[in-house]
Amino acid sequence: MKSISSQFDLFDDAPGYRQTPRATPRKRKSESPSTPPGWDDEEAAQRLEQGGRYRILRKLVPRPIIPRAESAFPNLAVLVDTETTGLNHAKDEIIEIGAVAFTYDDEGAVGDVVGIYSGLRQPSDPIPAEIIRLTGITDEMVAGLEIDVAALDALIEPADLVIAHNAAFDRPFCEKLSPTFASKAWACSVKEIPWADLGFEGNKLGYLVGQSGLFHEGHRATDDCNALLEVLARPAGEGGAPPFSQLLRSSERSRVRIYAENAAFDMKDHLKGRGYRWSDGSDGRPRAWWIEIDDELEEEELRYLRTEIYGWEDAEPLIQRLTAFDRYRT
């Protein structure tokens, strides 16, 4: 998820967006002064794994940044993660935002990292103790700091797709920070990838990273973006396709949100059992049970409501048609 030194990002000496990478040191054999001469960490790890009694996690190493013009992949996506003072975007505030831009092709193959932004921000009120415990971000770390919105916008503006691991949480906070986010297509790597079908035991980022054979320093925005990118890019499931390819296909499909307005109270268990959720109207939605489905399932769902809930063939429930540009807004 979601320091002032090491926080800014894993590459920069100061906060902000940068496209030009540093020189990469020559690859050396994995030795350290504390290990015997000739020792190779990776070789040792592979030997342990071959016996079937051990599973080794590798430390996640962020991908190098290259200039956008040097990537052969035509499309651009940006992974975004926020750390906030609470869960309510209407009153809580962003205290950290991280973004990692990467290229991809039309088939969903992940290309290169071409930009990164990370920044801290001092909120109006002191950071709650629980947030400090979760994120490690303290009032001293954010004192006097502001997010460079212009630098962040420069990364977001050319993106074809913005991705968050729980976009329904991150999008409202991001749109409150900058209107540039409002005009973008969004995808959610929690809801739009069938992780269980790909052999994962959960959709929390820690589970996904661990089951991908990696570990990382979690609960900091840019670190989590780099971790999610590796999970999205690695082959998974029987077909061995990267999960990002499924996310891309999902983002291209339109969906419908159907509201069972004025449904009888005694129908609530039926609706809940079918996957409907309750909206109390406080977020601007109608006060009703609702469901979001692929558009090809619309007629089937309307038939269910007319026969099982309303008992009236001419009933016309409220329908909202959604694309990636509309989803995950409040």
Protein backbone atom coordinates (compact mmCIF):
# COMPACT_ATOMS: atom_id res chain seq x y z
CA MET A 1 0.00 0.00 0.00
CA LYS A 2 0.15 2.87 0.59
CA SER A 3 10.40 9.13 4.13
CA ILE A 4 11.94 12.49 4.07
CA SER A 5 14.89 10.65 2.50
CA SER A 6 14.16 7.11 1.42
CA GLN A 7 10.46 7.81 0.90
CA PHE A 8 10.61 9.95 -2.20
CA ASP A 9 11.17 6.97 -4.40
CA LEU A 10 13.59 4.17 -4.82
CA PHE A 11 15.56 6.07 -7.44
CA ASP A 12 15.64 9.82 -6.67
CA ASP A 13 17.60 11.97 -4.22
CA ALA A 14 14.70 14.44 -4.17
CA PRO A 15 10.97 14.09 -4.71
CA GLY A 16 9.39 14.43 -8.11
CA TYR A 17 9.01 12.93 -11.52
CA ARG A 18 12.05 11.84 -13.48
CA GLN A 19 12.39 10.06 -16.81
CA THR A 20 16.19 9.90 -17.25
CA PRO A 21 17.61 6.86 -15.47
CA ARG A 22 20.84 6.72 -13.58
CA ALA A 23 23.67 4.64 -14.92
CA THR A 24 23.17 1.01 -13.98
CA PRO A 25 26.16 -0.58 -12.24
CA ARG A 26 27.70 -3.59 -13.86
CA LYS A 27 26.09 -6.85 -12.81
CA ARG A 28 28.24 -8.73 -10.37
CA LYS A 29 28.09 -12.21 -8.98
CA SER A 30 25.87 -12.37 -5.90
CA GLU A 31 28.58 -12.37 -3.27
CA SER A 32 29.01 -10.33 -0.13
CA PRO A 33 31.89 -9.95 2.35
CA SER A 34 30.04 -12.15 4.82
CA THR A 35 29.80 -15.15 2.46
CA PRO A 36 32.62 -17.50 1.38
CA PRO A 37 34.43 -16.76 -1.90
CA GLY A 38 32.58 -18.27 -4.85
CA TRP A 39 29.24 -18.40 -3.05
CA ASP A 40 26.27 -17.60 -5.30
CA ASP A 41 23.00 -16.74 -3.56
CA GLU A 42 20.78 -17.58 -6.52
CA GLU A 43 22.44 -20.91 -7.14
CA ALA A 44 21.98 -21.82 -3.48
CA ALA A 45 18.34 -20.79 -3.60
CA GLN A 46 17.70 -22.93 -6.69
CA ARG A 47 19.31 -25.95 -5.05
CA LEU A 48 17.05 -25.60 -2.01
CA GLU A 49 13.97 -25.28 -4.21
CA GLN A 50 14.85 -28.31 -6.33
CA GLY A 51 14.50 -30.58 -3.31
CA GLY A 52 10.85 -29.63 -2.92
CA ARG A 53 11.14 -28.89 0.80
CA TYR A 54 11.75 -25.15 0.55
CA ARG A 55 10.24 -22.16 -1.20
CA ILE A 56 12.50 -19.14 -1.54
CA LEU A 57 11.25 -15.57 -1.81
CA ARG A 58 13.40 -13.15 -3.82
CA LYS A 59 13.63 -9.49 -2.83
CA LEU A 60 11.74 -7.40 -5.32
CA VAL A 61 14.08 -5.15 -7.29
CA PRO A 62 12.29 -2.27 -9.05
CA ARG A 63 12.70 -2.10 -12.80
CA PRO A 64 15.06 0.56 -14.19
CA ILE A 65 13.54 3.68 -15.71
CA ILE A 66 14.17 4.35 -19.39
CA PRO A 67 13.12 7.34 -21.53
CA ARG A 68 9.67 6.95 -23.06
CA ALA A 69 11.07 7.32 -26.57
CA GLU A 70 13.28 4.26 -26.09
CA SER A 71 10.43 1.87 -25.32
CA ALA A 72 9.11 -0.15 -28.24
CA PHE A 73 5.71 -0.60 -26.58
CA PRO A 74 3.05 1.82 -27.87
CA ASN A 75 0.70 2.32 -24.91
CA LEU A 76 1.13 3.92 -21.49
CA ALA A 77 -0.38 2.97 -18.12
CA VAL A 78 0.24 4.42 -14.68
CA LEU A 79 -0.02 2.51 -11.42
CA VAL A 80 -1.17 4.77 -8.59
CA ASP A 81 -1.26 4.21 -4.83
CA THR A 82 -2.18 6.62 -2.05
CA GLU A 83 -1.69 6.75 1.68
CA THR A 84 -4.34 8.81 3.44
CA THR A 85 -5.42 9.99 6.88
CA GLY A 86 -8.56 7.82 6.70
CA LEU A 87 -11.08 6.10 4.47
CA ASN A 88 -13.47 8.96 3.69
CA HIS A 89 -12.34 11.01 0.68
CA ALA A 90 -14.79 13.78 1.57
CA LYS A 91 -12.96 14.64 4.82
CA ASP A 92 -9.70 12.69 4.89
CA GLU A 93 -6.56 13.69 2.99
CA ILE A 94 -3.71 12.20 0.99
CA ILE A 95 -0.41 12.17 2.86
CA GLU A 96 1.56 10.24 0.23
CA ILE A 97 1.07 9.36 -3.41
CA GLY A 98 3.18 7.10 -5.60
CA ALA A 99 2.90 6.55 -9.35
CA VAL A 100 4.81 4.28 -11.70
CA ALA A 101 4.32 4.69 -15.45
CA PHE A 102 4.96 1.74 -17.75
CA THR A 103 4.44 0.87 -21.38
CA TYR A 104 2.47 -2.05 -22.78
CA ASP A 105 1.22 -3.45 -26.07
CA ASP A 106 -2.28 -4.14 -27.33
CA GLU A 107 -2.09 -7.79 -26.20
CA GLY A 108 -1.36 -6.86 -22.60
CA ALA A 109 2.38 -7.54 -22.48
CA VAL A 110 4.15 -5.25 -20.01
CA GLY A 111 7.03 -3.24 -21.46
CA ASP A 112 9.24 -0.75 -19.64
CA VAL A 113 9.04 1.63 -16.71
CA VAL A 114 9.31 5.13 -18.18
CA GLY A 115 8.56 7.41 -15.24
CA ILE A 116 8.00 7.54 -11.52
CA TYR A 117 6.64 10.04 -9.02
CA SER A 118 6.53 9.92 -5.24
CA GLY A 119 5.65 12.68 -2.83
CA LEU A 120 4.56 13.41 0.72
CA ARG A 121 2.07 16.01 1.90
CA GLN A 122 1.31 17.58 5.27
CA PRO A 123 -2.40 17.22 6.07
CA SER A 124 -4.52 19.83 7.83
CA ASP A 125 -4.60 17.86 11.08
CA PRO A 126 -2.09 15.53 12.77
CA ILE A 127 -1.85 12.05 11.28
CA PRO A 128 -3.89 9.54 13.31
CA ALA A 129 -1.86 7.06 15.37
CA GLU A 130 -3.33 4.09 13.49
CA ILE A 131 -2.22 5.52 10.14
CA ILE A 132 1.28 6.12 11.50
CA ARG A 133 1.38 2.50 12.65
CA LEU A 134 0.22 1.19 9.28
CA THR A 135 2.34 3.38 6.99
CA GLY A 136 5.29 4.51 9.07
CA ILE A 137 4.58 8.08 7.93
CA THR A 138 4.86 10.54 10.82
CA ASP A 139 3.97 14.20 11.21
CA GLU A 140 7.68 15.04 11.28
CA MET A 141 8.20 13.38 7.89
CA VAL A 142 5.50 15.40 6.16
CA ALA A 143 6.02 18.73 7.93
CA GLY A 144 5.91 21.56 5.40
CA LEU A 145 5.68 19.27 2.38
CA GLU A 146 3.31 19.47 -0.58
CA ILE A 147 2.75 17.16 -3.53
CA ASP A 148 4.10 18.60 -6.78
CA VAL A 149 0.83 18.34 -8.69
CA ALA A 150 2.37 19.70 -11.92
CA ALA A 151 4.99 16.93 -11.92
CA LEU A 152 2.37 14.34 -11.14
CA ASP A 153 0.09 15.64 -13.90
CA ALA A 154 2.96 15.38 -16.38
CA LEU A 155 3.09 11.66 -15.65
CA ILE A 156 -0.68 11.09 -15.68
CA GLU A 157 -1.78 13.26 -18.61
CA PRO A 158 -0.44 11.04 -21.46
CA ALA A 159 -1.63 7.79 -19.83
CA ASP A 160 -4.09 5.54 -21.64
CA LEU A 161 -5.01 3.79 -18.40
CA VAL A 162 -4.68 4.47 -14.66
CA ILE A 163 -4.55 1.40 -12.40
CA ALA A 164 -5.01 1.13 -8.66
CA HIS A 165 -5.20 -1.87 -6.35
CA ASN A 166 -8.66 -0.84 -5.08
CA ALA A 167 -9.57 1.90 -7.51
CA ALA A 168 -12.85 2.66 -5.74
CA PHE A 169 -10.73 3.94 -2.83
CA ASP A 170 -7.90 5.66 -4.71
CA ARG A 171 -9.79 7.34 -7.56
CA PRO A 172 -11.89 9.76 -5.44
CA PHE A 173 -8.80 10.83 -3.47
CA CYS A 174 -6.80 11.30 -6.69
CA GLU A 175 -9.55 13.31 -8.38
CA LYS A 176 -9.74 15.54 -5.30
CA LEU A 177 -5.98 16.11 -5.64
CA SER A 178 -5.95 16.84 -9.39
CA PRO A 179 -8.66 17.05 -12.10
CA THR A 180 -6.28 15.31 -14.52
CA PHE A 181 -7.31 12.01 -12.97
CA ALA A 182 -11.01 12.63 -13.68
CA SER A 183 -10.74 12.31 -17.46
CA LYS A 184 -8.80 9.06 -17.41
CA ALA A 185 -9.85 5.45 -17.90
CA TRP A 186 -9.37 3.54 -14.65
CA ALA A 187 -8.91 -0.15 -13.90
CA CYS A 188 -8.93 -1.99 -10.58
CA SER A 189 -6.46 -4.82 -10.08
CA VAL A 190 -8.48 -6.14 -7.14
CA LYS A 191 -11.87 -6.47 -8.80
CA GLU A 192 -11.03 -6.97 -12.46
CA ILE A 193 -8.61 -9.90 -12.25
CA PRO A 194 -9.87 -13.37 -11.20
CA TRP A 195 -6.93 -14.03 -8.90
CA ALA A 196 -8.37 -17.27 -7.52
CA ASP A 197 -8.64 -18.69 -11.05
CA LEU A 198 -4.95 -17.89 -11.52
CA GLY A 199 -3.99 -19.91 -8.44
CA PHE A 200 -3.70 -17.14 -5.87
CA GLU A 201 -5.15 -17.53 -2.37
CA GLY A 202 -6.29 -13.93 -2.01
CA ASN A 203 -6.23 -10.56 -3.70
CA LYS A 204 -4.39 -8.55 -1.05
CA LEU A 205 -1.11 -7.27 -2.42
CA GLY A 206 0.94 -9.08 0.23
CA TYR A 207 -0.54 -12.43 -0.81
CA LEU A 208 -0.01 -11.73 -4.51
CA VAL A 209 3.60 -10.68 -4.02
CA GLY A 210 4.44 -13.64 -1.79
CA GLN A 211 2.80 -16.19 -4.08
CA SER A 212 4.74 -14.68 -6.98
CA GLY A 213 7.94 -15.68 -5.16
CA LEU A 214 8.84 -12.16 -4.02
CA PHE A 215 8.93 -9.96 -0.93
CA HIS A 216 9.04 -6.19 -0.59
CA GLU A 217 8.72 -3.36 1.92
CA GLY A 218 4.96 -2.85 1.94
CA HIS A 219 2.63 -0.02 2.93
CA ARG A 220 4.57 2.72 1.14
CA ALA A 221 3.04 4.05 -2.03
CA THR A 222 5.83 3.75 -4.61
CA ASP A 223 7.06 0.45 -3.20
CA ASP A 224 3.58 -1.01 -3.57
CA CYS A 225 3.28 0.27 -7.15
CA ASN A 226 6.57 -1.44 -8.09
CA ALA A 227 5.42 -4.63 -6.39
CA LEU A 228 2.06 -4.66 -8.13
CA LEU A 229 3.74 -4.11 -11.50
CA GLU A 230 5.83 -7.26 -11.05
CA VAL A 231 2.77 -9.31 -10.11
CA LEU A 232 0.85 -8.01 -13.12
CA ALA A 233 3.72 -8.73 -15.49
CA ARG A 234 4.62 -12.28 -14.43
CA PRO A 235 2.97 -15.30 -16.13
CA ALA A 236 0.20 -16.84 -14.03
CA GLY A 237 -2.42 -19.56 -14.30
CA GLU A 238 -2.64 -22.46 -16.70
CA GLY A 239 -2.16 -20.39 -19.83
CA GLY A 240 0.81 -18.50 -18.45
CA ALA A 241 -0.51 -15.11 -19.55
CA PRO A 242 0.34 -12.08 -17.43
CA PRO A 243 -2.53 -10.95 -15.20
CA PHE A 244 -2.21 -7.50 -16.77
CA SER A 245 -3.61 -8.88 -20.03
CA GLN A 246 -6.84 -9.84 -18.24
CA LEU A 247 -7.01 -6.45 -16.55
CA LEU A 248 -6.61 -4.72 -19.90
CA ARG A 249 -9.40 -6.77 -21.49
CA SER A 250 -11.68 -6.04 -18.56
CA SER A 251 -11.03 -2.31 -18.76
CA GLU A 252 -12.11 -2.34 -22.40
CA ARG A 253 -15.53 -3.84 -21.67
CA SER A 254 -18.55 -1.75 -20.86
CA ARG A 255 -20.66 -2.61 -17.83
CA VAL A 256 -24.08 -1.76 -16.50
CA ARG A 257 -25.15 -0.83 -12.99
CA ILE A 258 -28.75 -1.74 -12.22
CA TYR A 259 -30.66 -0.34 -9.24
CA ALA A 260 -33.57 -2.28 -7.75
CA GLU A 261 -35.34 0.86 -6.58
CA ASN A 262 -38.49 0.47 -4.50
CA ALA A 263 -37.95 -3.27 -4.09
CA ALA A 264 -40.02 -4.74 -1.27
CA PHE A 265 -38.22 -4.99 2.06
CA ASP A 266 -38.73 -8.75 2.26
CA MET A 267 -36.81 -9.14 -1.02
CA LYS A 268 -33.56 -7.88 0.49
CA ASP A 269 -32.16 -11.35 1.24
CA HIS A 270 -32.90 -12.48 -2.31
CA LEU A 271 -31.10 -9.46 -3.73
CA LYS A 272 -28.17 -9.79 -1.36
CA GLY A 273 -27.82 -13.47 -2.22
CA ARG A 274 -27.62 -12.59 -5.90
CA GLY A 275 -24.80 -10.13 -5.32
CA TYR A 276 -26.66 -6.85 -4.91
CA ARG A 277 -25.24 -4.24 -2.54
CA TRP A 278 -27.10 -1.61 -0.55
CA SER A 279 -26.60 2.11 -1.16
CA ASP A 280 -27.96 4.42 1.51
CA GLY A 281 -27.84 7.39 -0.84
CA SER A 282 -25.10 9.21 1.08
CA ASP A 283 -22.62 9.00 -1.80
CA GLY A 284 -24.96 10.46 -4.41
CA ARG A 285 -26.25 7.13 -5.69
CA PRO A 286 -29.94 6.21 -5.45
CA ARG A 287 -31.05 4.74 -2.15
CA ALA A 288 -31.50 1.18 -3.35
CA TRP A 289 -30.00 -2.26 -3.82
CA TRP A 290 -27.70 -2.32 -6.87
CA ILE A 291 -25.45 -4.60 -8.88
CA GLU A 292 -22.78 -4.01 -11.53
CA ILE A 293 -22.47 -6.59 -14.30
CA ASP A 294 -21.09 -7.04 -17.81
CA ASP A 295 -23.41 -5.50 -20.37
CA GLU A 296 -24.13 -8.86 -22.05
CA LEU A 297 -25.85 -9.97 -18.82
CA GLU A 298 -28.24 -7.03 -18.75
CA GLU A 299 -31.30 -8.74 -20.21
CA GLU A 300 -30.94 -11.74 -17.91
CA GLU A 301 -30.72 -9.46 -14.87
CA LEU A 302 -33.75 -7.42 -15.91
CA ARG A 303 -35.71 -10.63 -16.37
CA TYR A 304 -34.76 -11.69 -12.84
CA LEU A 305 -35.90 -8.39 -11.34
CA ARG A 306 -39.17 -8.34 -13.26
CA THR A 307 -40.14 -11.90 -12.40
CA GLU A 308 -38.58 -12.51 -8.98
CA ILE A 309 -38.50 -9.07 -7.33
CA TYR A 310 -41.17 -6.83 -8.83
CA GLY A 311 -43.58 -9.40 -10.32
CA TRP A 312 -44.28 -6.95 -13.11
CA GLU A 313 -43.19 -7.48 -16.71
CA ASP A 314 -43.09 -3.78 -17.58
CA ALA A 315 -40.87 -2.77 -14.66
CA GLU A 316 -37.97 -0.55 -15.80
CA PRO A 317 -35.25 -0.42 -13.14
CA LEU A 318 -32.76 2.43 -13.24
CA ILE A 319 -29.72 1.52 -15.38
CA GLN A 320 -26.37 3.29 -15.60
CA ARG A 321 -23.98 2.37 -18.41
CA LEU A 322 -20.33 2.45 -17.41
CA THR A 323 -16.97 2.36 -19.16
CA ALA A 324 -13.49 2.56 -17.64
CA PHE A 325 -13.87 6.35 -17.73
CA ASP A 326 -16.87 6.17 -15.35
CA ARG A 327 -16.03 3.28 -13.04
CA TYR A 328 -14.87 3.73 -9.45
CA ARG A 329 -16.11 7.27 -9.19
CA THR A 330 -18.19 8.24 -6.19
